[in-house]
Amino acid sequence: MTSKNAKPAIHALRMTQAGDSEVALRAVRDIGDAMGIPTVTVIDDLSSLSSLIGYRRDKPIFESNLPAKFRVTWNRRQYRLNNPVYLACRTESVPFIWRVDAEGWSIPVVIDAAQRRILNFAASFGMTGGICVPIHAPRGHIGCISFIGSAEHDLERILEEWRSTLIVAGVYFMRAHAQPFRQDALDGMRHLTKQEVACVTFAARGMTDKQIAIELDVVPGTARFHIENAARKLSARSRTQTVAIAAQLGLIGSVA
C-alpha cells in the first residue's frame, strides 16, 4: 500500500481534540496496517530517565499490540529505561531506521553490551528492525512512535514513501495525547509558590527533605509539605515526576 491509504487515519488524527488519546492511538495503528507493519508502540514521554520511571498512571506510556510474553519480560526487566531506540529519539529529529543485519545492529546511537542484549531480546521475538518517529514538542517534551518490523520488510523503501506522513502523524498524536498533560501542568505552574519552586529545585539536585530543610531553615515536614503541594498542582504522582514536570516547564534546570 502507499501513503495515500493512510489519508483516513491522518484525517482522524487531525480531528482529534485534547484528551483523545485512544482515538489517536487507533489511527496510528491504522497507519501501521497501511504500511504493512502492524506492530506499533507509542511512548508519550521519554525526555529523561525520570519521565520513564515516574509517568502519570492516568496518562500512561502506551505499548501497543506487542506479544503478551514479550511485554511481561520487557516490563519486569525495565528494558524501556535503557532501550537504545528510545535514546536515539532524544537526538534524532526525523524518522530513522533501526535493524540488525550481517554487520550487527544499525541504529543512530552507539550501543553498549547491555543495550545490545535488549535488541537481541526483541530479535528473539522476530523484531529485527523498524522505523521510529521521534516527536519533539515544546519545553523539551519528547515522544516517539515505533513501527516494529522484521527481515521481510524493505524499511528503506517504506520510509522513503511514508516519511512525510509519519512526521505529520507524530505531531498530531502528541497534540492529542500531551496537550491535557501540558495544560494541567501549566495551570498548576501559575499557582506554585516561591517556597514550592525552591523545594522542588533542591529535590532535583537529589537533596532529601532534611537537607532541603537545612538549606531553607525550616523543618523537614515543611519541605515535604511544599513538595507534595507542588506535586498536586502539577498533577504529578510522585516526587520523581514532580521534578521531571518542573524541569520540562522550565522551572528548574534539566534533571536528565
Foldseek 3Di string as FASTA:
>chain_A
DFCVQLVVLLVQLVPFAAQPLVSLVVSVQSSCVVLVQNQKFKAFFDLDLLCLVFPDPVQHRGHPDDDPVLVVVCVVVVVVSPAVQSVLLNVDQFKDKWFQDPVGTDDPDDDDPVNSVVQVSVVVVQQGMWIKGWDADALRGIMIMIRTHHPVDPHVVSCVRCRVVRNSSRVSSNNRRVVVLVVQQVQLVVVQDPLLLQLLQVVLVVDALCRSCVVVVHHSVVSVVSLVSLCVSSVTDDSSVSSVSCCSVVSYPDSD
